[in-house]
Amino acid sequence: MAESAADRCLLILIARNEASFDPLATGLLDVGITGATVMDSKGLGAIVREEMPMFAGLAALLPQETGSRMIVSITTTERVAALRTFIAEMKPSHRPIGAVLPVSGTIGLPGDE
């Protein structure tokens, strides 16, 4: 099925920890989102705790999780709808944080002549 530019969106997800990344990656593949970029990321709380000792007193107020992974993909609204269904069935503690943004144009994807 050919995708039109109007159907494309930018998907940004943050898997909060390693335990939540594996089921999320499986879900992405299951709904057909195979072209994604995965980046190791770190939350602001982890940076304050690890790299800013002057704010050590705040560390007790911040979440203890330090590592996360950010997933970015240009995909279709149809695949995002299927992924939302998959995410709704995940354990609440494993659900990612994310955003879906409309894309007005792309570069380098099939059909981008």
PDB file of N, CA and C in Angstrom:
ATOM      1  N   MET A   1       0.833  -1.169   0.000  1.00  0.00           N
ATOM      2  CA  MET A   1       0.000   0.000   0.000  1.00  0.00           C
ATOM      3  C   MET A   1       0.884   1.240   0.000  1.00  0.00           C
ATOM      4  N   ALA A   2       0.676   2.138  -0.918  1.00  0.00           N
ATOM      5  CA  ALA A   2       1.499   3.339  -1.029  1.00  0.00           C
ATOM      6  C   ALA A   2       1.117   4.340   0.052  1.00  0.00           C
ATOM      7  N   GLU A   3       2.122   4.970   0.620  1.00  0.00           N
ATOM      8  CA  GLU A   3       1.895   5.971   1.649  1.00  0.00           C
ATOM      9  C   GLU A   3       1.924   7.343   1.006  1.00  0.00           C
ATOM     10  N   SER A   4       1.019   8.222   1.420  1.00  0.00           N
ATOM     11  CA  SER A   4       1.069   9.590   0.941  1.00  0.00           C
ATOM     12  C   SER A   4       1.697  10.458   2.017  1.00  0.00           C
ATOM     13  N   ALA A   5       2.233  11.602   1.609  1.00  0.00           N
ATOM     14  CA  ALA A   5       2.863  12.511   2.564  1.00  0.00           C
ATOM     15  C   ALA A   5       1.869  12.954   3.628  1.00  0.00           C
ATOM     16  N   ALA A   6       0.590  13.052   3.271  1.00  0.00           N
ATOM     17  CA  ALA A   6      -0.421  13.479   4.229  1.00  0.00           C
ATOM     18  C   ALA A   6      -0.618  12.467   5.356  1.00  0.00           C
ATOM     19  N   ASP A   7      -0.290  11.211   5.105  1.00  0.00           N
ATOM     20  CA  ASP A   7      -0.455  10.164   6.111  1.00  0.00           C
ATOM     21  C   ASP A   7       0.743  10.048   7.048  1.00  0.00           C
ATOM     22  N   ARG A   8       1.808  10.770   6.778  1.00  0.00           N
ATOM     23  CA  ARG A   8       3.040  10.605   7.560  1.00  0.00           C
ATOM     24  C   ARG A   8       3.041  11.472   8.815  1.00  0.00           C
ATOM     25  N   CYS A   9       3.694  10.945   9.831  1.00  0.00           N
ATOM     26  CA  CYS A   9       3.856  11.686  11.079  1.00  0.00           C
ATOM     27  C   CYS A   9       5.200  11.305  11.701  1.00  0.00           C
ATOM     28  N   LEU A  10       5.640  12.152  12.607  1.00  0.00           N
ATOM     29  CA  LEU A  10       6.881  11.906  13.339  1.00  0.00           C
ATOM     30  C   LEU A  10       6.506  11.344  14.701  1.00  0.00           C
ATOM     31  N   LEU A  11       6.998  10.159  14.977  1.00  0.00           N
ATOM     32  CA  LEU A  11       6.741   9.475  16.239  1.00  0.00           C
ATOM     33  C   LEU A  11       7.980   9.599  17.108  1.00  0.00           C
ATOM     34  N   ILE A  12       7.801  10.084  18.320  1.00  0.00           N
ATOM     35  CA  ILE A  12       8.895  10.198  19.291  1.00  0.00           C
ATOM     36  C   ILE A  12       8.443   9.490  20.561  1.00  0.00           C
ATOM     37  N   LEU A  13       9.186   8.485  20.973  1.00  0.00           N
ATOM     38  CA  LEU A  13       8.860   7.731  22.176  1.00  0.00           C
ATOM     39  C   LEU A  13      10.074   7.664  23.092  1.00  0.00           C
ATOM     40  N   ILE A  14       9.832   7.655  24.380  1.00  0.00           N
ATOM     41  CA  ILE A  14      10.904   7.475  25.352  1.00  0.00           C
ATOM     42  C   ILE A  14      10.557   6.276  26.219  1.00  0.00           C
ATOM     43  N   ALA A  15      11.356   5.223  26.075  1.00  0.00           N
ATOM     44  CA  ALA A  15      11.236   4.048  26.936  1.00  0.00           C
ATOM     45  C   ALA A  15      12.031   4.365  28.196  1.00  0.00           C
ATOM     46  N   ARG A  16      11.374   4.351  29.321  1.00  0.00           N
ATOM     47  CA  ARG A  16      11.979   4.848  30.565  1.00  0.00           C
ATOM     48  C   ARG A  16      13.110   3.995  31.112  1.00  0.00           C
ATOM     49  N   ASN A  17      13.138   2.709  30.754  1.00  0.00           N
ATOM     50  CA  ASN A  17      14.191   1.825  31.255  1.00  0.00           C
ATOM     51  C   ASN A  17      14.301   0.611  30.332  1.00  0.00           C
ATOM     52  N   GLU A  18      15.284  -0.204  30.571  1.00  0.00           N
ATOM     53  CA  GLU A  18      15.538  -1.367  29.716  1.00  0.00           C
ATOM     54  C   GLU A  18      14.367  -2.343  29.731  1.00  0.00           C
ATOM     55  N   ALA A  19      13.731  -2.506  30.879  1.00  0.00           N
ATOM     56  CA  ALA A  19      12.608  -3.434  30.976  1.00  0.00           C
ATOM     57  C   ALA A  19      11.435  -2.985  30.117  1.00  0.00           C
ATOM     58  N   SER A  20      11.286  -1.691  29.902  1.00  0.00           N
ATOM     59  CA  SER A  20      10.185  -1.205  29.072  1.00  0.00           C
ATOM     60  C   SER A  20      10.561  -1.128  27.600  1.00  0.00           C
ATOM     61  N   PHE A  21      11.847  -1.127  27.280  1.00  0.00           N
ATOM     62  CA  PHE A  21      12.267  -1.009  25.889  1.00  0.00           C
ATOM     63  C   PHE A  21      11.969  -2.269  25.071  1.00  0.00           C
ATOM     64  N   ASP A  22      12.269  -3.429  25.612  1.00  0.00           N
ATOM     65  CA  ASP A  22      12.101  -4.669  24.849  1.00  0.00           C
ATOM     66  C   ASP A  22      10.658  -4.891  24.387  1.00  0.00           C
ATOM     67  N   PRO A  23       9.648  -4.781  25.275  1.00  0.00           N
ATOM     68  CA  PRO A  23       8.282  -4.962  24.780  1.00  0.00           C
ATOM     69  C   PRO A  23       7.871  -3.854  23.803  1.00  0.00           C
ATOM     70  N   LEU A  24       8.370  -2.658  23.995  1.00  0.00           N
ATOM     71  CA  LEU A  24       8.042  -1.565  23.080  1.00  0.00           C
ATOM     72  C   LEU A  24       8.628  -1.825  21.698  1.00  0.00           C
ATOM     73  N   ALA A  25       9.873  -2.282  21.641  1.00  0.00           N
ATOM     74  CA  ALA A  25      10.496  -2.608  20.348  1.00  0.00           C
ATOM     75  C   ALA A  25       9.711  -3.709  19.644  1.00  0.00           C
ATOM     76  N   THR A  26       9.259  -4.695  20.390  1.00  0.00           N
ATOM     77  CA  THR A  26       8.437  -5.753  19.808  1.00  0.00           C
ATOM     78  C   THR A  26       7.148  -5.181  19.235  1.00  0.00           C
ATOM     79  N   GLY A  27       6.519  -4.285  19.967  1.00  0.00           N
ATOM     80  CA  GLY A  27       5.289  -3.655  19.495  1.00  0.00           C
ATOM     81  C   GLY A  27       5.494  -2.849  18.231  1.00  0.00           C
ATOM     82  N   LEU A  28       6.593  -2.119  18.163  1.00  0.00           N
ATOM     83  CA  LEU A  28       6.901  -1.343  16.956  1.00  0.00           C
ATOM     84  C   LEU A  28       6.995  -2.262  15.747  1.00  0.00           C
ATOM     85  N   LEU A  29       7.736  -3.348  15.896  1.00  0.00           N
ATOM     86  CA  LEU A  29       7.892  -4.289  14.793  1.00  0.00           C
ATOM     87  C   LEU A  29       6.569  -4.949  14.429  1.00  0.00           C
ATOM     88  N   ASP A  30       5.770  -5.294  15.438  1.00  0.00           N
ATOM     89  CA  ASP A  30       4.485  -5.954  15.194  1.00  0.00           C
ATOM     90  C   ASP A  30       3.531  -5.095  14.375  1.00  0.00           C
ATOM     91  N   VAL A  31       3.584  -3.765  14.544  1.00  0.00           N
ATOM     92  CA  VAL A  31       2.666  -2.889  13.798  1.00  0.00           C
ATOM     93  C   VAL A  31       3.276  -2.382  12.496  1.00  0.00           C
ATOM     94  N   GLY A  32       4.502  -2.838  12.197  1.00  0.00           N
ATOM     95  CA  GLY A  32       5.116  -2.474  10.923  1.00  0.00           C
ATOM     96  C   GLY A  32       6.015  -1.261  10.956  1.00  0.00           C
ATOM     97  N   ILE A  33       6.370  -0.779  12.140  1.00  0.00           N
ATOM     98  CA  ILE A  33       7.314   0.345  12.238  1.00  0.00           C
ATOM     99  C   ILE A  33       8.707  -0.256  12.364  1.00  0.00           C
ATOM    100  N   THR A  34       9.361  -0.422  11.214  1.00  0.00           N
ATOM    101  CA  THR A  34      10.670  -1.071  11.195  1.00  0.00           C
ATOM    102  C   THR A  34      11.798  -0.065  10.986  1.00  0.00           C
ATOM    103  N   GLY A  35      11.485   1.108  10.483  1.00  0.00           N
ATOM    104  CA  GLY A  35      12.504   2.128  10.266  1.00  0.00           C
ATOM    105  C   GLY A  35      12.471   3.136  11.391  1.00  0.00           C
ATOM    106  N   ALA A  36      13.264   2.908  12.410  1.00  0.00           N
ATOM    107  CA  ALA A  36      13.299   3.809  13.559  1.00  0.00           C
ATOM    108  C   ALA A  36      14.741   3.993  13.994  1.00  0.00           C
ATOM    109  N   THR A  37      14.999   5.126  14.591  1.00  0.00           N
ATOM    110  CA  THR A  37      16.310   5.399  15.168  1.00  0.00           C
ATOM    111  C   THR A  37      16.179   5.324  16.679  1.00  0.00           C
ATOM    112  N   VAL A  38      17.084   4.609  17.322  1.00  0.00           N
ATOM    113  CA  VAL A  38      17.072   4.451  18.777  1.00  0.00           C
ATOM    114  C   VAL A  38      18.327   5.115  19.338  1.00  0.00           C
ATOM    115  N   MET A  39      18.120   5.985  20.320  1.00  0.00           N
ATOM    116  CA  MET A  39      19.236   6.701  20.942  1.00  0.00           C
ATOM    117  C   MET A  39      19.192   6.501  22.452  1.00  0.00           C
ATOM    118  N   ASP A  40      20.345   6.252  23.050  1.00  0.00           N
ATOM    119  CA  ASP A  40      20.406   6.242  24.507  1.00  0.00           C
ATOM    120  C   ASP A  40      20.208   7.670  24.973  1.00  0.00           C
ATOM    121  N   SER A  41      19.431   7.830  26.023  1.00  0.00           N
ATOM    122  CA  SER A  41      19.156   9.168  26.525  1.00  0.00           C
ATOM    123  C   SER A  41      19.205   9.164  28.044  1.00  0.00           C
ATOM    124  N   LYS A  42      19.222  10.352  28.597  1.00  0.00           N
ATOM    125  CA  LYS A  42      19.318  10.505  30.033  1.00  0.00           C
ATOM    126  C   LYS A  42      18.400  11.643  30.444  1.00  0.00           C
ATOM    127  N   GLY A  43      17.590  11.414  31.455  1.00  0.00           N
ATOM    128  CA  GLY A  43      16.686  12.444  31.945  1.00  0.00           C
ATOM    129  C   GLY A  43      17.422  13.523  32.722  1.00  0.00           C
ATOM    130  N   LEU A  44      16.768  14.651  32.867  1.00  0.00           N
ATOM    131  CA  LEU A  44      17.365  15.771  33.590  1.00  0.00           C
ATOM    132  C   LEU A  44      17.695  15.388  35.024  1.00  0.00           C
ATOM    133  N   GLY A  45      16.830  14.588  35.649  1.00  0.00           N
ATOM    134  CA  GLY A  45      17.096  14.156  37.018  1.00  0.00           C
ATOM    135  C   GLY A  45      18.409  13.403  37.135  1.00  0.00           C
ATOM    136  N   ALA A  46      18.708  12.547  36.164  1.00  0.00           N
ATOM    137  CA  ALA A  46      19.965  11.789  36.191  1.00  0.00           C
ATOM    138  C   ALA A  46      21.156  12.721  36.020  1.00  0.00           C
ATOM    139  N   ILE A  47      21.030  13.707  35.180  1.00  0.00           N
ATOM    140  CA  ILE A  47      22.133  14.651  34.977  1.00  0.00           C
ATOM    141  C   ILE A  47      22.378  15.460  36.241  1.00  0.00           C
ATOM    142  N   VAL A  48      21.311  15.920  36.876  1.00  0.00           N
ATOM    143  CA  VAL A  48      21.472  16.676  38.125  1.00  0.00           C
ATOM    144  C   VAL A  48      22.159  15.811  39.169  1.00  0.00           C
ATOM    145  N   ARG A  49      21.702  14.563  39.292  1.00  0.00           N
ATOM    146  CA  ARG A  49      22.261  13.664  40.312  1.00  0.00           C
ATOM    147  C   ARG A  49      23.718  13.316  40.039  1.00  0.00           C
ATOM    148  N   GLU A  50      24.078  13.069  38.763  1.00  0.00           N
ATOM    149  CA  GLU A  50      25.408  12.578  38.434  1.00  0.00           C
ATOM    150  C   GLU A  50      26.425  13.671  38.138  1.00  0.00           C
ATOM    151  N   GLU A  51      26.000  14.778  37.586  1.00  0.00           N
ATOM    152  CA  GLU A  51      26.954  15.757  37.079  1.00  0.00           C
ATOM    153  C   GLU A  51      26.890  17.118  37.762  1.00  0.00           C
ATOM    154  N   MET A  52      25.960  17.291  38.672  1.00  0.00           N
ATOM    155  CA  MET A  52      25.816  18.589  39.319  1.00  0.00           C
ATOM    156  C   MET A  52      25.740  18.407  40.832  1.00  0.00           C
ATOM    157  N   PRO A  53      26.870  18.106  41.467  1.00  0.00           N
ATOM    158  CA  PRO A  53      26.862  17.803  42.898  1.00  0.00           C
ATOM    159  C   PRO A  53      26.320  18.938  43.772  1.00  0.00           C
ATOM    160  N   MET A  54      26.333  20.164  43.258  1.00  0.00           N
ATOM    161  CA  MET A  54      25.822  21.284  44.066  1.00  0.00           C
ATOM    162  C   MET A  54      24.319  21.139  44.321  1.00  0.00           C
ATOM    163  N   PHE A  55      23.640  20.315  43.526  1.00  0.00           N
ATOM    164  CA  PHE A  55      22.212  20.083  43.708  1.00  0.00           C
ATOM    165  C   PHE A  55      21.936  18.724  44.335  1.00  0.00           C
ATOM    166  N   ALA A  56      22.901  18.160  45.031  1.00  0.00           N
ATOM    167  CA  ALA A  56      22.769  16.816  45.608  1.00  0.00           C
ATOM    168  C   ALA A  56      21.549  16.706  46.518  1.00  0.00           C
ATOM    169  N   GLY A  57      21.185  17.777  47.190  1.00  0.00           N
ATOM    170  CA  GLY A  57      20.019  17.760  48.068  1.00  0.00           C
ATOM    171  C   GLY A  57      18.729  17.492  47.322  1.00  0.00           C
ATOM    172  N   LEU A  58      18.686  17.848  46.052  1.00  0.00           N
ATOM    173  CA  LEU A  58      17.488  17.608  45.250  1.00  0.00           C
ATOM    174  C   LEU A  58      17.386  16.157  44.785  1.00  0.00           C
ATOM    175  N   ALA A  59      18.479  15.435  44.820  1.00  0.00           N
ATOM    176  CA  ALA A  59      18.518  14.069  44.281  1.00  0.00           C
ATOM    177  C   ALA A  59      17.465  13.173  44.931  1.00  0.00           C
ATOM    178  N   ALA A  60      17.199  13.372  46.202  1.00  0.00           N
ATOM    179  CA  ALA A  60      16.215  12.545  46.891  1.00  0.00           C
ATOM    180  C   ALA A  60      14.808  12.765  46.343  1.00  0.00           C
ATOM    181  N   LEU A  61      14.571  13.905  45.739  1.00  0.00           N
ATOM    182  CA  LEU A  61      13.251  14.225  45.198  1.00  0.00           C
ATOM    183  C   LEU A  61      13.061  13.728  43.773  1.00  0.00           C
ATOM    184  N   LEU A  62      14.145  13.300  43.135  1.00  0.00           N
ATOM    185  CA  LEU A  62      14.100  12.928  41.723  1.00  0.00           C
ATOM    186  C   LEU A  62      13.991  11.419  41.563  1.00  0.00           C
ATOM    187  N   PRO A  63      13.393  10.951  40.444  1.00  0.00           N
ATOM    188  CA  PRO A  63      13.320   9.500  40.203  1.00  0.00           C
ATOM    189  C   PRO A  63      14.718   8.888  40.155  1.00  0.00           C
ATOM    190  N   GLN A  64      14.829   7.646  40.600  1.00  0.00           N
ATOM    191  CA  GLN A  64      16.128   6.983  40.640  1.00  0.00           C
ATOM    192  C   GLN A  64      16.534   6.362  39.304  1.00  0.00           C
ATOM    193  N   GLU A  65      15.589   6.163  38.395  1.00  0.00           N
ATOM    194  CA  GLU A  65      15.923   5.630  37.071  1.00  0.00           C
ATOM    195  C   GLU A  65      16.824   6.628  36.359  1.00  0.00           C
ATOM    196  N   THR A  66      17.905   6.154  35.762  1.00  0.00           N
ATOM    197  CA  THR A  66      18.813   7.082  35.101  1.00  0.00           C
ATOM    198  C   THR A  66      18.881   6.903  33.596  1.00  0.00           C
ATOM    199  N   GLY A  67      18.635   5.713  33.093  1.00  0.00           N
ATOM    200  CA  GLY A  67      18.788   5.471  31.665  1.00  0.00           C
ATOM    201  C   GLY A  67      17.460   5.325  30.960  1.00  0.00           C
ATOM    202  N   SER A  68      17.424   5.776  29.741  1.00  0.00           N
ATOM    203  CA  SER A  68      16.237   5.611  28.918  1.00  0.00           C
ATOM    204  C   SER A  68      16.687   5.515  27.470  1.00  0.00           C
ATOM    205  N   ARG A  69      15.749   5.200  26.605  1.00  0.00           N
ATOM    206  CA  ARG A  69      16.037   5.173  25.171  1.00  0.00           C
ATOM    207  C   ARG A  69      14.965   5.963  24.454  1.00  0.00           C
ATOM    208  N   MET A  70      15.399   6.776  23.507  1.00  0.00           N
ATOM    209  CA  MET A  70      14.473   7.554  22.705  1.00  0.00           C
ATOM    210  C   MET A  70      14.386   6.918  21.327  1.00  0.00           C
ATOM    211  N   ILE A  71      13.165   6.741  20.854  1.00  0.00           N
ATOM    212  CA  ILE A  71      12.902   6.132  19.556  1.00  0.00           C
ATOM    213  C   ILE A  71      12.239   7.186  18.684  1.00  0.00           C
ATOM    214  N   VAL A  72      12.785   7.384  17.493  1.00  0.00           N
ATOM    215  CA  VAL A  72      12.256   8.375  16.564  1.00  0.00           C
ATOM    216  C   VAL A  72      11.995   7.688  15.234  1.00  0.00           C
ATOM    217  N   SER A  73      10.822   7.946  14.653  1.00  0.00           N
ATOM    218  CA  SER A  73      10.490   7.329  13.375  1.00  0.00           C
ATOM    219  C   SER A  73       9.502   8.201  12.613  1.00  0.00           C
ATOM    220  N   ILE A  74       9.683   8.270  11.302  1.00  0.00           N
ATOM    221  CA  ILE A  74       8.658   8.836  10.440  1.00  0.00           C
ATOM    222  C   ILE A  74       7.834   7.641   9.983  1.00  0.00           C
ATOM    223  N   THR A  75       6.557   7.673  10.285  1.00  0.00           N
ATOM    224  CA  THR A  75       5.687   6.539  10.003  1.00  0.00           C
ATOM    225  C   THR A  75       4.327   7.048   9.557  1.00  0.00           C
ATOM    226  N   THR A  76       3.337   6.186   9.566  1.00  0.00           N
ATOM    227  CA  THR A  76       2.000   6.586   9.139  1.00  0.00           C
ATOM    228  C   THR A  76       1.062   6.692  10.341  1.00  0.00           C
ATOM    229  N   THR A  77       0.014   7.475  10.165  1.00  0.00           N
ATOM    230  CA  THR A  77      -0.972   7.613  11.228  1.00  0.00           C
ATOM    231  C   THR A  77      -1.657   6.276  11.513  1.00  0.00           C
ATOM    232  N   GLU A  78      -1.800   5.447  10.502  1.00  0.00           N
ATOM    233  CA  GLU A  78      -2.400   4.122  10.676  1.00  0.00           C
ATOM    234  C   GLU A  78      -1.543   3.249  11.597  1.00  0.00           C
ATOM    235  N   ARG A  79      -0.235   3.261  11.387  1.00  0.00           N
ATOM    236  CA  ARG A  79       0.657   2.461  12.244  1.00  0.00           C
ATOM    237  C   ARG A  79       0.687   3.007  13.673  1.00  0.00           C
ATOM    238  N   VAL A  80       0.628   4.334  13.803  1.00  0.00           N
ATOM    239  CA  VAL A  80       0.602   4.924  15.145  1.00  0.00           C
ATOM    240  C   VAL A  80      -0.669   4.514  15.881  1.00  0.00           C
ATOM    241  N   ALA A  81      -1.798   4.472  15.178  1.00  0.00           N
ATOM    242  CA  ALA A  81      -3.051   4.038  15.807  1.00  0.00           C
ATOM    243  C   ALA A  81      -2.927   2.596  16.307  1.00  0.00           C
ATOM    244  N   ALA A  82      -2.313   1.738  15.511  1.00  0.00           N
ATOM    245  CA  ALA A  82      -2.106   0.344  15.933  1.00  0.00           C
ATOM    246  C   ALA A  82      -1.155   0.277  17.127  1.00  0.00           C
ATOM    247  N   LEU A  83      -0.120   1.118  17.114  1.00  0.00           N
ATOM    248  CA  LEU A  83       0.834   1.137  18.234  1.00  0.00           C
ATOM    249  C   LEU A  83       0.158   1.620  19.515  1.00  0.00           C
ATOM    250  N   ARG A  84      -0.723   2.598  19.414  1.00  0.00           N
ATOM    251  CA  ARG A  84      -1.451   3.083  20.600  1.00  0.00           C
ATOM    252  C   ARG A  84      -2.232   1.939  21.252  1.00  0.00           C
ATOM    253  N   THR A  85      -2.844   1.101  20.436  1.00  0.00           N
ATOM    254  CA  THR A  85      -3.579  -0.055  20.961  1.00  0.00           C
ATOM    255  C   THR A  85      -2.624  -0.994  21.684  1.00  0.00           C
ATOM    256  N   PHE A  86      -1.461  -1.247  21.077  1.00  0.00           N
ATOM    257  CA  PHE A  86      -0.459  -2.117  21.706  1.00  0.00           C
ATOM    258  C   PHE A  86       0.010  -1.522  23.038  1.00  0.00           C
ATOM    259  N   ILE A  87       0.305  -0.221  23.054  1.00  0.00           N
ATOM    260  CA  ILE A  87       0.808   0.436  24.265  1.00  0.00           C
ATOM    261  C   ILE A  87      -0.238   0.397  25.377  1.00  0.00           C
ATOM    262  N   ALA A  88      -1.502   0.557  25.029  1.00  0.00           N
ATOM    263  CA  ALA A  88      -2.571   0.527  26.033  1.00  0.00           C
ATOM    264  C   ALA A  88      -2.623  -0.811  26.753  1.00  0.00           C
ATOM    265  N   GLU A  89      -2.150  -1.873  26.110  1.00  0.00           N
ATOM    266  CA  GLU A  89      -2.163  -3.209  26.706  1.00  0.00           C
ATOM    267  C   GLU A  89      -0.894  -3.509  27.507  1.00  0.00           C
ATOM    268  N   MET A  90       0.093  -2.619  27.451  1.00  0.00           N
ATOM    269  CA  MET A  90       1.333  -2.817  28.211  1.00  0.00           C
ATOM    270  C   MET A  90       1.094  -2.522  29.696  1.00  0.00           C
ATOM    271  N   LYS A  91       1.944  -3.089  30.542  1.00  0.00           N
ATOM    272  CA  LYS A  91       1.897  -2.754  31.961  1.00  0.00           C
ATOM    273  C   LYS A  91       2.092  -1.246  32.086  1.00  0.00           C
ATOM    274  N   PRO A  92       1.345  -0.581  32.942  1.00  0.00           N
ATOM    275  CA  PRO A  92       1.490   0.880  33.072  1.00  0.00           C
ATOM    276  C   PRO A  92       2.930   1.330  33.333  1.00  0.00           C
ATOM    277  N   SER A  93       3.683   0.564  34.088  1.00  0.00           N
ATOM    278  CA  SER A  93       5.072   0.954  34.383  1.00  0.00           C
ATOM    279  C   SER A  93       5.992   0.811  33.173  1.00  0.00           C
ATOM    280  N   HIS A  94       5.541   0.112  32.131  1.00  0.00           N
ATOM    281  CA  HIS A  94       6.359  -0.080  30.924  1.00  0.00           C
ATOM    282  C   HIS A  94       5.935   0.816  29.771  1.00  0.00           C
ATOM    283  N   ARG A  95       4.858   1.550  29.933  1.00  0.00           N
ATOM    284  CA  ARG A  95       4.384   2.404  28.842  1.00  0.00           C
ATOM    285  C   ARG A  95       5.342   3.567  28.614  1.00  0.00           C
ATOM    286  N   PRO A  96       5.618   3.850  27.353  1.00  0.00           N
ATOM    287  CA  PRO A  96       6.535   4.965  27.061  1.00  0.00           C
ATOM    288  C   PRO A  96       5.832   6.312  27.189  1.00  0.00           C
ATOM    289  N   ILE A  97       6.654   7.339  27.193  1.00  0.00           N
ATOM    290  CA  ILE A  97       6.179   8.716  27.080  1.00  0.00           C
ATOM    291  C   ILE A  97       6.435   9.089  25.631  1.00  0.00           C
ATOM    292  N   GLY A  98       5.533   9.803  25.003  1.00  0.00           N
ATOM    293  CA  GLY A  98       5.775  10.096  23.599  1.00  0.00           C
ATOM    294  C   GLY A  98       4.939  11.211  23.034  1.00  0.00           C
ATOM    295  N   ALA A  99       5.189  11.465  21.756  1.00  0.00           N
ATOM    296  CA  ALA A  99       4.459  12.481  21.012  1.00  0.00           C
ATOM    297  C   ALA A  99       4.383  12.053  19.555  1.00  0.00           C
ATOM    298  N   VAL A 100       3.329  12.497  18.895  1.00  0.00           N
ATOM    299  CA  VAL A 100       3.139  12.265  17.467  1.00  0.00           C
ATOM    300  C   VAL A 100       2.906  13.633  16.846  1.00  0.00           C
ATOM    301  N   LEU A 101       3.720  13.965  15.850  1.00  0.00           N
ATOM    302  CA  LEU A 101       3.630  15.277  15.213  1.00  0.00           C
ATOM    303  C   LEU A 101       3.376  15.123  13.721  1.00  0.00           C
ATOM    304  N   PRO A 102       2.565  15.988  13.138  1.00  0.00           N
ATOM    305  CA  PRO A 102       2.337  15.913  11.694  1.00  0.00           C
ATOM    306  C   PRO A 102       3.616  16.269  10.933  1.00  0.00           C
ATOM    307  N   VAL A 103       3.790  15.658   9.778  1.00  0.00           N
ATOM    308  CA  VAL A 103       4.956  15.920   8.929  1.00  0.00           C
ATOM    309  C   VAL A 103       4.446  16.502   7.614  1.00  0.00           C
ATOM    310  N   SER A 104       4.954  17.678   7.246  1.00  0.00           N
ATOM    311  CA  SER A 104       4.488  18.310   6.008  1.00  0.00           C
ATOM    312  C   SER A 104       5.270  17.845   4.789  1.00  0.00           C
ATOM    313  N   GLY A 105       6.430  17.274   5.002  1.00  0.00           N
ATOM    314  CA  GLY A 105       7.230  16.765   3.900  1.00  0.00           C
ATOM    315  C   GLY A 105       8.380  15.944   4.441  1.00  0.00           C
ATOM    316  N   THR A 106       8.955  15.118   3.583  1.00  0.00           N
ATOM    317  CA  THR A 106      10.078  14.276   3.991  1.00  0.00           C
ATOM    318  C   THR A 106      11.183  14.329   2.944  1.00  0.00           C
ATOM    319  N   ILE A 107      12.330  13.868   3.330  1.00  0.00           N
ATOM    320  CA  ILE A 107      13.499  13.806   2.449  1.00  0.00           C
ATOM    321  C   ILE A 107      14.075  12.404   2.566  1.00  0.00           C
ATOM    322  N   GLY A 108      14.313  11.764   1.436  1.00  0.00           N
ATOM    323  CA  GLY A 108      15.003  10.488   1.437  1.00  0.00           C
ATOM    324  C   GLY A 108      14.147   9.260   1.601  1.00  0.00           C
ATOM    325  N   LEU A 109      12.854   9.415   1.751  1.00  0.00           N
ATOM    326  CA  LEU A 109      11.978   8.259   1.861  1.00  0.00           C
ATOM    327  C   LEU A 109      11.461   7.866   0.476  1.00  0.00           C
ATOM    328  N   PRO A 110      11.048   6.615   0.312  1.00  0.00           N
ATOM    329  CA  PRO A 110      10.483   6.212  -0.980  1.00  0.00           C
ATOM    330  C   PRO A 110       9.336   7.144  -1.367  1.00  0.00           C
ATOM    331  N   GLY A 111       9.321   7.576  -2.611  1.00  0.00           N
ATOM    332  CA  GLY A 111       8.303   8.488  -3.096  1.00  0.00           C
ATOM    333  C   GLY A 111       8.675   9.954  -2.969  1.00  0.00           C
ATOM    334  N   ASP A 112       9.874  10.248  -2.431  1.00  0.00           N
ATOM    335  CA  ASP A 112      10.346  11.634  -2.267  1.00  0.00           C
ATOM    336  C   ASP A 112      11.175  12.073  -3.466  1.00  0.00           C
ATOM    337  N   GLU A 113      10.608  12.134  -4.629  1.00  0.00           N
ATOM    338  CA  GLU A 113      11.382  12.561  -5.794  1.00  0.00           C
ATOM    339  C   GLU A 113      11.350  14.050  -5.942  1.00  0.00           C
TER     340      GLU A 113
END
